[in-house]
Amino acid sequence: MIFEKKVIVDLHSHTTASDGILTPSELVRRAADNQISMLAITDHDTVKGLPEAKETIMRENLAVKLIYGVEVSTIWKNNEIHIVGLNVDIENSQLLELLLAQEQGRINRAISISEKLAKVSIHDAYEQAQQFSKGDIVSRSHFARFLVASGYVKDIKQAFKKYLGKSGYAYVPANCCSIADAVKVIHAAGGQAVLAHPSRYDLTLTKLKLLINEFKTYGGDAIEVSQSRQTQEDLQQLAKLANEFELLASQGSDFHDLVNYLDLGKTASLPGSVTPIWSDWR
């Protein structure tokens, strides 16, 4: 009897180019170890880690198909919403222009966070957070790691609750583009636009449907149905929403590290009722 090998797909992951803990080379090696067939690296507002990842796959002959991706931060009704672009041309001028603006917005936000932390006697936070960043950008995740390491909080969750989240002392709203602009630029770069981790935005079902409807109106292609640490009920709900709005389905671990996130390739399989975004990829 011949058994077909299970195809493992992970279309949402992060490296040290943004706020992951593994370098691009380390990430693709882990993907190979986890027998992932298709991996998208989707760092926050940057594509700078992708060339290294591709070079490592080719040099070490890893059995991983790399999908060029990016996770673009957007603002929708005072909520930070993430849009993943898959199969993007990382040399596209419109994409690079958008990411440059996003990068500057992230720098400004990090400086403002540091200034707010100084007001509650946490000094030199920007410089300290930089020690946890191997890329060009200091994100809230890097501040969180600094706060944990310095003993201000016990874990990442508390860092966001007490300081960095919406109700925190040092919260600063993201300064980024609109969903419409993100989708437009992703398409201009030849990619497909995916609404990332829809259940993580703490929206009512009514507001989530409004978000998905607007995303669809702007030309969005898919939503993440299978995502990090979700219930079976949530998986089925997102599958239902994908079909209701006639969107393709994606899946991804949103891997950053092994402590606070799911490991690469460990999400649940997509329900048979949805159409995978990769179904017509060559």
C-alpha atoms as a PDB file:
ATOM      1  CA  MET A   1       0.000   0.000   0.000  1.00  0.00           C
ATOM      2  CA  ILE A   2       1.326   3.458  -0.966  1.00  0.00           C
ATOM      3  CA  PHE A   3       0.649   6.391   1.347  1.00  0.00           C
ATOM      4  CA  GLU A   4       0.831   9.956   0.067  1.00  0.00           C
ATOM      5  CA  LYS A   5       3.097  12.246   2.048  1.00  0.00           C
ATOM      6  CA  LYS A   6       1.163  14.942   3.889  1.00  0.00           C
ATOM      7  CA  VAL A   7       1.845  18.390   2.478  1.00  0.00           C
ATOM      8  CA  ILE A   8       2.586  20.801   5.332  1.00  0.00           C
ATOM      9  CA  VAL A   9       1.994  24.461   4.533  1.00  0.00           C
ATOM     10  CA  ASP A  10       2.830  27.449   6.755  1.00  0.00           C
ATOM     11  CA  LEU A  11       2.144  30.841   5.200  1.00  0.00           C
ATOM     12  CA  HIS A  12       2.820  33.149   8.155  1.00  0.00           C
ATOM     13  CA  SER A  13       6.161  33.328   9.976  1.00  0.00           C
ATOM     14  CA  HIS A  14       8.696  35.842  11.264  1.00  0.00           C
ATOM     15  CA  THR A  15      12.469  36.178  11.483  1.00  0.00           C
ATOM     16  CA  THR A  16      14.956  38.535  13.090  1.00  0.00           C
ATOM     17  CA  ALA A  17      14.333  40.879  10.156  1.00  0.00           C
ATOM     18  CA  SER A  18      11.297  41.951  12.210  1.00  0.00           C
ATOM     19  CA  ASP A  19      10.421  40.502  15.626  1.00  0.00           C
ATOM     20  CA  GLY A  20      11.158  36.789  15.356  1.00  0.00           C
ATOM     21  CA  ILE A  21      13.981  35.131  17.282  1.00  0.00           C
ATOM     22  CA  LEU A  22      15.391  33.008  14.439  1.00  0.00           C
ATOM     23  CA  THR A  23      17.446  34.387  11.577  1.00  0.00           C
ATOM     24  CA  PRO A  24      16.076  33.758   8.075  1.00  0.00           C
ATOM     25  CA  SER A  25      18.599  30.920   7.675  1.00  0.00           C
ATOM     26  CA  GLU A  26      17.644  29.362  11.007  1.00  0.00           C
ATOM     27  CA  LEU A  27      13.952  29.627  10.160  1.00  0.00           C
ATOM     28  CA  VAL A  28      14.166  27.774   6.838  1.00  0.00           C
ATOM     29  CA  ARG A  29      16.311  25.086   8.459  1.00  0.00           C
ATOM     30  CA  ARG A  30      13.657  24.639  11.143  1.00  0.00           C
ATOM     31  CA  ALA A  31      11.006  24.480   8.434  1.00  0.00           C
ATOM     32  CA  ALA A  32      12.957  21.694   6.743  1.00  0.00           C
ATOM     33  CA  ASP A  33      13.347  19.859  10.064  1.00  0.00           C
ATOM     34  CA  ASN A  34       9.576  20.154  10.569  1.00  0.00           C
ATOM     35  CA  GLN A  35       9.020  18.736   7.058  1.00  0.00           C
ATOM     36  CA  ILE A  36       7.263  21.861   5.819  1.00  0.00           C
ATOM     37  CA  SER A  37       6.705  21.734   2.070  1.00  0.00           C
ATOM     38  CA  MET A  38       5.775  25.379   1.575  1.00  0.00           C
ATOM     39  CA  LEU A  39       6.836  28.258   3.840  1.00  0.00           C
ATOM     40  CA  ALA A  40       6.035  31.954   3.599  1.00  0.00           C
ATOM     41  CA  ILE A  41       8.245  34.369   5.512  1.00  0.00           C
ATOM     42  CA  THR A  42       6.056  37.363   6.322  1.00  0.00           C
ATOM     43  CA  ASP A  43       8.057  39.772   8.436  1.00  0.00           C
ATOM     44  CA  HIS A  44       6.379  42.935   9.676  1.00  0.00           C
ATOM     45  CA  ASP A  45       6.659  45.701   7.083  1.00  0.00           C
ATOM     46  CA  THR A  46       9.910  44.399   5.604  1.00  0.00           C
ATOM     47  CA  VAL A  47      11.154  41.935   2.998  1.00  0.00           C
ATOM     48  CA  LYS A  48      14.814  42.248   3.973  1.00  0.00           C
ATOM     49  CA  GLY A  49      15.130  38.708   5.337  1.00  0.00           C
ATOM     50  CA  LEU A  50      13.957  36.937   2.189  1.00  0.00           C
ATOM     51  CA  PRO A  51      17.178  36.932   0.112  1.00  0.00           C
ATOM     52  CA  GLU A  52      19.111  35.265   2.951  1.00  0.00           C
ATOM     53  CA  ALA A  53      16.385  32.638   3.356  1.00  0.00           C
ATOM     54  CA  LYS A  54      16.351  31.870  -0.371  1.00  0.00           C
ATOM     55  CA  GLU A  55      20.148  31.659  -0.530  1.00  0.00           C
ATOM     56  CA  THR A  56      20.243  29.218   2.401  1.00  0.00           C
ATOM     57  CA  ILE A  57      17.595  26.976   0.837  1.00  0.00           C
ATOM     58  CA  MET A  58      19.528  26.833  -2.421  1.00  0.00           C
ATOM     59  CA  ARG A  59      22.974  26.432  -0.849  1.00  0.00           C
ATOM     60  CA  GLU A  60      21.893  23.691   1.562  1.00  0.00           C
ATOM     61  CA  ASN A  61      19.440  22.084  -0.872  1.00  0.00           C
ATOM     62  CA  LEU A  62      16.571  22.251   1.634  1.00  0.00           C
ATOM     63  CA  ALA A  63      13.290  20.668   0.552  1.00  0.00           C
ATOM     64  CA  VAL A  64      11.266  23.800   1.296  1.00  0.00           C
ATOM     65  CA  LYS A  65       9.442  25.931  -1.263  1.00  0.00           C
ATOM     66  CA  LEU A  66       9.850  29.536  -0.113  1.00  0.00           C
ATOM     67  CA  ILE A  67       6.989  31.958  -0.696  1.00  0.00           C
ATOM     68  CA  TYR A  68       8.016  35.603  -0.643  1.00  0.00           C
ATOM     69  CA  GLY A  69       5.731  37.389   1.780  1.00  0.00           C
ATOM     70  CA  VAL A  70       5.278  40.418   3.996  1.00  0.00           C
ATOM     71  CA  GLU A  71       2.896  41.391   6.802  1.00  0.00           C
ATOM     72  CA  VAL A  72       1.721  44.968   6.357  1.00  0.00           C
ATOM     73  CA  SER A  73       0.379  46.871   9.372  1.00  0.00           C
ATOM     74  CA  THR A  74      -2.767  48.897   8.703  1.00  0.00           C
ATOM     75  CA  ILE A  75      -5.277  50.956  10.649  1.00  0.00           C
ATOM     76  CA  TRP A  76      -9.020  50.304  10.513  1.00  0.00           C
ATOM     77  CA  LYS A  77     -11.423  52.139  12.851  1.00  0.00           C
ATOM     78  CA  ASN A  78      -8.659  52.674  15.451  1.00  0.00           C
ATOM     79  CA  ASN A  79      -7.690  48.991  15.301  1.00  0.00           C
ATOM     80  CA  GLU A  80      -4.329  47.751  14.057  1.00  0.00           C
ATOM     81  CA  ILE A  81      -5.106  45.170  11.376  1.00  0.00           C
ATOM     82  CA  HIS A  82      -2.453  43.086   9.636  1.00  0.00           C
ATOM     83  CA  ILE A  83      -2.571  42.207   5.950  1.00  0.00           C
ATOM     84  CA  VAL A  84      -0.261  39.468   4.676  1.00  0.00           C
ATOM     85  CA  GLY A  85       0.990  39.681   1.118  1.00  0.00           C
ATOM     86  CA  LEU A  86       1.949  36.363  -0.492  1.00  0.00           C
ATOM     87  CA  ASN A  87       4.011  35.801  -3.645  1.00  0.00           C
ATOM     88  CA  VAL A  88       5.059  39.443  -3.795  1.00  0.00           C
ATOM     89  CA  ASP A  89       7.838  40.811  -5.983  1.00  0.00           C
ATOM     90  CA  ILE A  90      10.283  42.102  -3.378  1.00  0.00           C
ATOM     91  CA  GLU A  91      11.850  44.501  -5.871  1.00  0.00           C
ATOM     92  CA  ASN A  92       8.558  46.179  -6.801  1.00  0.00           C
ATOM     93  CA  SER A  93       8.955  49.952  -6.425  1.00  0.00           C
ATOM     94  CA  GLN A  94       5.464  50.571  -5.011  1.00  0.00           C
ATOM     95  CA  LEU A  95       5.961  47.895  -2.368  1.00  0.00           C
ATOM     96  CA  LEU A  96       9.386  49.202  -1.378  1.00  0.00           C
ATOM     97  CA  GLU A  97       8.065  52.762  -1.162  1.00  0.00           C
ATOM     98  CA  LEU A  98       5.233  51.670   1.125  1.00  0.00           C
ATOM     99  CA  LEU A  99       7.549  49.627   3.341  1.00  0.00           C
ATOM    100  CA  LEU A 100       9.970  52.538   3.670  1.00  0.00           C
ATOM    101  CA  ALA A 101       7.125  54.738   4.932  1.00  0.00           C
ATOM    102  CA  GLN A 102       5.980  51.963   7.287  1.00  0.00           C
ATOM    103  CA  GLU A 103       9.521  51.599   8.615  1.00  0.00           C
ATOM    104  CA  GLN A 104       9.723  55.296   9.442  1.00  0.00           C
ATOM    105  CA  GLY A 105       6.356  55.077  11.179  1.00  0.00           C
ATOM    106  CA  ARG A 106       7.643  52.188  13.287  1.00  0.00           C
ATOM    107  CA  ILE A 107      10.769  54.145  14.249  1.00  0.00           C
ATOM    108  CA  ASN A 108       8.669  57.133  15.321  1.00  0.00           C
ATOM    109  CA  ARG A 109       6.362  54.868  17.309  1.00  0.00           C
ATOM    110  CA  ALA A 110       9.274  53.192  19.091  1.00  0.00           C
ATOM    111  CA  ILE A 111      10.735  56.550  20.098  1.00  0.00           C
ATOM    112  CA  SER A 112       7.347  57.657  21.464  1.00  0.00           C
ATOM    113  CA  ILE A 113       6.978  54.411  23.431  1.00  0.00           C
ATOM    114  CA  SER A 114      10.412  54.963  24.945  1.00  0.00           C
ATOM    115  CA  GLU A 115       9.487  58.508  25.950  1.00  0.00           C
ATOM    116  CA  LYS A 116       6.322  57.263  27.678  1.00  0.00           C
ATOM    117  CA  LEU A 117       8.230  54.529  29.499  1.00  0.00           C
ATOM    118  CA  ALA A 118      10.689  57.156  30.755  1.00  0.00           C
ATOM    119  CA  LYS A 119       7.763  58.950  32.398  1.00  0.00           C
ATOM    120  CA  VAL A 120       7.162  55.863  34.556  1.00  0.00           C
ATOM    121  CA  SER A 121      10.875  55.635  35.453  1.00  0.00           C
ATOM    122  CA  ILE A 122      11.874  53.065  32.828  1.00  0.00           C
ATOM    123  CA  HIS A 123      14.786  54.874  31.240  1.00  0.00           C
ATOM    124  CA  ASP A 124      16.758  54.229  28.031  1.00  0.00           C
ATOM    125  CA  ALA A 125      14.095  51.766  26.886  1.00  0.00           C
ATOM    126  CA  TYR A 126      14.702  52.378  23.188  1.00  0.00           C
ATOM    127  CA  GLU A 127      18.406  51.624  23.476  1.00  0.00           C
ATOM    128  CA  GLN A 128      17.709  48.595  25.673  1.00  0.00           C
ATOM    129  CA  ALA A 129      15.038  47.242  23.314  1.00  0.00           C
ATOM    130  CA  GLN A 130      17.500  47.554  20.440  1.00  0.00           C
ATOM    131  CA  GLN A 131      19.577  44.858  22.130  1.00  0.00           C
ATOM    132  CA  PHE A 132      16.726  42.436  21.420  1.00  0.00           C
ATOM    133  CA  SER A 133      16.379  43.459  17.778  1.00  0.00           C
ATOM    134  CA  LYS A 134      18.666  42.090  15.097  1.00  0.00           C
ATOM    135  CA  GLY A 135      16.838  43.937  12.334  1.00  0.00           C
ATOM    136  CA  ASP A 136      16.387  47.614  11.529  1.00  0.00           C
ATOM    137  CA  ILE A 137      13.210  48.128  13.536  1.00  0.00           C
ATOM    138  CA  VAL A 138      12.445  48.133  17.253  1.00  0.00           C
ATOM    139  CA  SER A 139       8.908  46.829  17.729  1.00  0.00           C
ATOM    140  CA  ARG A 140       6.635  46.438  20.734  1.00  0.00           C
ATOM    141  CA  SER A 141       7.783  42.805  20.952  1.00  0.00           C
ATOM    142  CA  HIS A 142      11.355  43.974  21.486  1.00  0.00           C
ATOM    143  CA  PHE A 143      10.231  46.384  24.209  1.00  0.00           C
ATOM    144  CA  ALA A 144       8.309  43.510  25.788  1.00  0.00           C
ATOM    145  CA  ARG A 145      11.378  41.268  25.837  1.00  0.00           C
ATOM    146  CA  PHE A 146      13.404  44.062  27.427  1.00  0.00           C
ATOM    147  CA  LEU A 147      10.737  44.594  30.103  1.00  0.00           C
ATOM    148  CA  VAL A 148      10.696  40.876  30.936  1.00  0.00           C
ATOM    149  CA  ALA A 149      14.485  40.542  30.971  1.00  0.00           C
ATOM    150  CA  SER A 150      14.824  43.610  33.213  1.00  0.00           C
ATOM    151  CA  GLY A 151      12.271  42.340  35.718  1.00  0.00           C
ATOM    152  CA  TYR A 152       9.616  45.008  35.166  1.00  0.00           C
ATOM    153  CA  VAL A 153       7.072  42.296  34.284  1.00  0.00           C
ATOM    154  CA  LYS A 154       6.975  38.514  34.570  1.00  0.00           C
ATOM    155  CA  ASP A 155       6.155  37.675  30.957  1.00  0.00           C
ATOM    156  CA  ILE A 156       5.319  39.046  27.503  1.00  0.00           C
ATOM    157  CA  LYS A 157       1.588  38.987  28.171  1.00  0.00           C
ATOM    158  CA  GLN A 158       1.975  41.197  31.239  1.00  0.00           C
ATOM    159  CA  ALA A 159       4.290  43.548  29.321  1.00  0.00           C
ATOM    160  CA  PHE A 160       1.523  44.242  26.827  1.00  0.00           C
ATOM    161  CA  LYS A 161      -1.195  44.436  29.463  1.00  0.00           C
ATOM    162  CA  LYS A 162       0.674  46.833  31.742  1.00  0.00           C
ATOM    163  CA  TYR A 163       2.719  48.907  29.306  1.00  0.00           C
ATOM    164  CA  LEU A 164       2.399  48.241  25.580  1.00  0.00           C
ATOM    165  CA  GLY A 165      -1.204  47.261  24.847  1.00  0.00           C
ATOM    166  CA  LYS A 166      -4.111  49.645  24.342  1.00  0.00           C
ATOM    167  CA  SER A 167      -4.675  50.068  28.082  1.00  0.00           C
ATOM    168  CA  GLY A 168      -0.961  50.232  28.937  1.00  0.00           C
ATOM    169  CA  TYR A 169       1.008  53.178  30.309  1.00  0.00           C
ATOM    170  CA  ALA A 170       3.181  53.446  27.204  1.00  0.00           C
ATOM    171  CA  TYR A 171       0.712  52.603  24.460  1.00  0.00           C
ATOM    172  CA  VAL A 172       1.239  54.491  21.216  1.00  0.00           C
ATOM    173  CA  PRO A 173      -1.130  53.914  18.272  1.00  0.00           C
ATOM    174  CA  ALA A 174       0.448  52.507  15.142  1.00  0.00           C
ATOM    175  CA  ASN A 175       1.258  55.007  12.422  1.00  0.00           C
ATOM    176  CA  CYS A 176       0.617  53.023   9.270  1.00  0.00           C
ATOM    177  CA  CYS A 177      -1.334  52.775   6.024  1.00  0.00           C
ATOM    178  CA  SER A 178      -4.951  51.895   5.296  1.00  0.00           C
ATOM    179  CA  ILE A 179      -6.207  48.430   4.363  1.00  0.00           C
ATOM    180  CA  ALA A 180      -7.079  49.753   0.910  1.00  0.00           C
ATOM    181  CA  ASP A 181      -3.510  50.958   0.341  1.00  0.00           C
ATOM    182  CA  ALA A 182      -2.006  47.705   1.602  1.00  0.00           C
ATOM    183  CA  VAL A 183      -4.158  45.573  -0.702  1.00  0.00           C
ATOM    184  CA  LYS A 184      -3.500  47.868  -3.664  1.00  0.00           C
ATOM    185  CA  VAL A 185       0.277  47.729  -3.220  1.00  0.00           C
ATOM    186  CA  ILE A 186       0.342  43.966  -2.612  1.00  0.00           C
ATOM    187  CA  HIS A 187      -1.541  43.495  -5.877  1.00  0.00           C
ATOM    188  CA  ALA A 188       0.793  45.922  -7.658  1.00  0.00           C
ATOM    189  CA  ALA A 189       3.659  43.702  -6.489  1.00  0.00           C
ATOM    190  CA  GLY A 190       1.950  40.676  -8.042  1.00  0.00           C
ATOM    191  CA  GLY A 191       0.830  39.189  -4.733  1.00  0.00           C
ATOM    192  CA  GLN A 192      -2.353  38.092  -3.004  1.00  0.00           C
ATOM    193  CA  ALA A 193      -3.689  39.909   0.051  1.00  0.00           C
ATOM    194  CA  VAL A 194      -4.668  37.910   3.135  1.00  0.00           C
ATOM    195  CA  LEU A 195      -6.419  39.168   6.272  1.00  0.00           C
ATOM    196  CA  ALA A 196      -4.147  37.876   9.039  1.00  0.00           C
ATOM    197  CA  HIS A 197      -5.398  36.153  12.229  1.00  0.00           C
ATOM    198  CA  PRO A 198      -8.969  37.572  12.078  1.00  0.00           C
ATOM    199  CA  SER A 199      -9.978  36.284  15.521  1.00  0.00           C
ATOM    200  CA  ARG A 200      -7.158  38.049  17.310  1.00  0.00           C
ATOM    201  CA  TYR A 201      -8.531  41.578  16.951  1.00  0.00           C
ATOM    202  CA  ASP A 202     -11.003  41.337  19.828  1.00  0.00           C
ATOM    203  CA  LEU A 203     -13.927  42.320  17.599  1.00  0.00           C
ATOM    204  CA  THR A 204     -17.530  41.259  17.936  1.00  0.00           C
ATOM    205  CA  LEU A 205     -18.773  38.973  15.174  1.00  0.00           C
ATOM    206  CA  THR A 206     -20.699  41.903  13.709  1.00  0.00           C
ATOM    207  CA  LYS A 207     -17.581  44.094  13.565  1.00  0.00           C
ATOM    208  CA  LEU A 208     -15.461  41.223  12.261  1.00  0.00           C
ATOM    209  CA  LYS A 209     -17.917  40.747   9.412  1.00  0.00           C
ATOM    210  CA  LEU A 210     -17.761  44.478   8.712  1.00  0.00           C
ATOM    211  CA  LEU A 211     -13.953  44.268   8.592  1.00  0.00           C
ATOM    212  CA  ILE A 212     -13.997  41.267   6.260  1.00  0.00           C
ATOM    213  CA  ASN A 213     -16.577  42.911   4.026  1.00  0.00           C
ATOM    214  CA  GLU A 214     -14.449  46.068   3.677  1.00  0.00           C
ATOM    215  CA  PHE A 215     -11.346  43.958   3.060  1.00  0.00           C
ATOM    216  CA  LYS A 216     -13.220  42.107   0.322  1.00  0.00           C
ATOM    217  CA  THR A 217     -14.464  45.399  -1.159  1.00  0.00           C
ATOM    218  CA  TYR A 218     -10.872  46.635  -1.415  1.00  0.00           C
ATOM    219  CA  GLY A 219      -9.955  43.519  -3.387  1.00  0.00           C
ATOM    220  CA  GLY A 220      -8.734  41.247  -0.589  1.00  0.00           C
ATOM    221  CA  ASP A 221      -8.138  37.663  -1.679  1.00  0.00           C
ATOM    222  CA  ALA A 222      -8.189  35.462   1.428  1.00  0.00           C
ATOM    223  CA  ILE A 223      -8.409  35.223   5.200  1.00  0.00           C
ATOM    224  CA  GLU A 224      -6.346  33.117   7.555  1.00  0.00           C
ATOM    225  CA  VAL A 225      -8.670  30.325   8.614  1.00  0.00           C
ATOM    226  CA  SER A 226      -6.185  28.088  10.398  1.00  0.00           C
ATOM    227  CA  GLN A 227      -3.982  30.102  12.728  1.00  0.00           C
ATOM    228  CA  SER A 228      -1.946  29.947  15.902  1.00  0.00           C
ATOM    229  CA  ARG A 229      -3.589  28.571  19.039  1.00  0.00           C
ATOM    230  CA  GLN A 230      -7.258  28.487  18.128  1.00  0.00           C
ATOM    231  CA  THR A 231     -10.217  26.355  19.117  1.00  0.00           C
ATOM    232  CA  GLN A 232     -11.988  24.013  16.726  1.00  0.00           C
ATOM    233  CA  GLU A 233     -15.025  26.283  17.039  1.00  0.00           C
ATOM    234  CA  ASP A 234     -12.970  29.267  15.893  1.00  0.00           C
ATOM    235  CA  LEU A 235     -11.534  27.285  12.969  1.00  0.00           C
ATOM    236  CA  GLN A 236     -15.013  26.365  11.766  1.00  0.00           C
ATOM    237  CA  GLN A 237     -16.304  29.919  12.268  1.00  0.00           C
ATOM    238  CA  LEU A 238     -13.516  31.364  10.115  1.00  0.00           C
ATOM    239  CA  ALA A 239     -14.087  28.718   7.450  1.00  0.00           C
ATOM    240  CA  LYS A 240     -17.737  29.725   7.381  1.00  0.00           C
ATOM    241  CA  LEU A 241     -16.787  33.403   7.031  1.00  0.00           C
ATOM    242  CA  ALA A 242     -14.355  32.634   4.199  1.00  0.00           C
ATOM    243  CA  ASN A 243     -17.150  30.969   2.267  1.00  0.00           C
ATOM    244  CA  GLU A 244     -19.727  33.613   3.167  1.00  0.00           C
ATOM    245  CA  PHE A 245     -17.534  36.355   1.702  1.00  0.00           C
ATOM    246  CA  GLU A 246     -16.231  34.182  -1.152  1.00  0.00           C
ATOM    247  CA  LEU A 247     -12.625  34.432  -0.021  1.00  0.00           C
ATOM    248  CA  LEU A 248      -9.829  31.898  -0.280  1.00  0.00           C
ATOM    249  CA  ALA A 249      -8.426  30.343   2.896  1.00  0.00           C
ATOM    250  CA  SER A 250      -4.873  30.578   4.199  1.00  0.00           C
ATOM    251  CA  GLN A 251      -3.113  29.062   7.180  1.00  0.00           C
ATOM    252  CA  GLY A 252      -0.080  29.992   9.221  1.00  0.00           C
ATOM    253  CA  SER A 253       1.500  29.547  12.632  1.00  0.00           C
ATOM    254  CA  ASP A 254       2.545  33.221  12.968  1.00  0.00           C
ATOM    255  CA  PHE A 255       5.764  31.762  14.349  1.00  0.00           C
ATOM    256  CA  HIS A 256       7.967  34.197  16.274  1.00  0.00           C
ATOM    257  CA  ASP A 257       9.440  31.977  18.994  1.00  0.00           C
ATOM    258  CA  LEU A 258       8.804  28.668  20.747  1.00  0.00           C
ATOM    259  CA  VAL A 259       7.535  30.136  24.009  1.00  0.00           C
ATOM    260  CA  ASN A 260       4.694  32.444  23.057  1.00  0.00           C
ATOM    261  CA  TYR A 261       3.736  31.100  19.622  1.00  0.00           C
ATOM    262  CA  LEU A 262       2.958  27.871  17.817  1.00  0.00           C
ATOM    263  CA  ASP A 263       5.855  26.044  16.182  1.00  0.00           C
ATOM    264  CA  LEU A 264       6.232  26.115  12.407  1.00  0.00           C
ATOM    265  CA  GLY A 265       3.738  23.937  10.573  1.00  0.00           C
ATOM    266  CA  LYS A 266       1.729  23.003  13.662  1.00  0.00           C
ATOM    267  CA  THR A 267      -1.595  24.627  12.763  1.00  0.00           C
ATOM    268  CA  ALA A 268      -4.687  22.530  12.138  1.00  0.00           C
ATOM    269  CA  SER A 269      -5.421  21.482   8.570  1.00  0.00           C
ATOM    270  CA  LEU A 270      -7.894  23.622   6.655  1.00  0.00           C
ATOM    271  CA  PRO A 271     -11.461  22.300   6.641  1.00  0.00           C
ATOM    272  CA  GLY A 272     -12.478  20.638   3.386  1.00  0.00           C
ATOM    273  CA  SER A 273     -15.217  23.217   2.887  1.00  0.00           C
ATOM    274  CA  VAL A 274     -12.777  26.022   1.963  1.00  0.00           C
ATOM    275  CA  THR A 275     -10.520  26.650  -1.023  1.00  0.00           C
ATOM    276  CA  PRO A 276      -6.827  26.920  -0.068  1.00  0.00           C
ATOM    277  CA  ILE A 277      -5.104  30.022  -1.382  1.00  0.00           C
ATOM    278  CA  TRP A 278      -2.327  27.849  -2.815  1.00  0.00           C
ATOM    279  CA  SER A 279      -4.724  25.618  -4.791  1.00  0.00           C
ATOM    280  CA  ASP A 280      -3.820  27.225  -8.124  1.00  0.00           C
ATOM    281  CA  TRP A 281      -0.185  28.109  -7.400  1.00  0.00           C
ATOM    282  CA  ARG A 282       2.392  26.572  -9.706  1.00  0.00           C
END
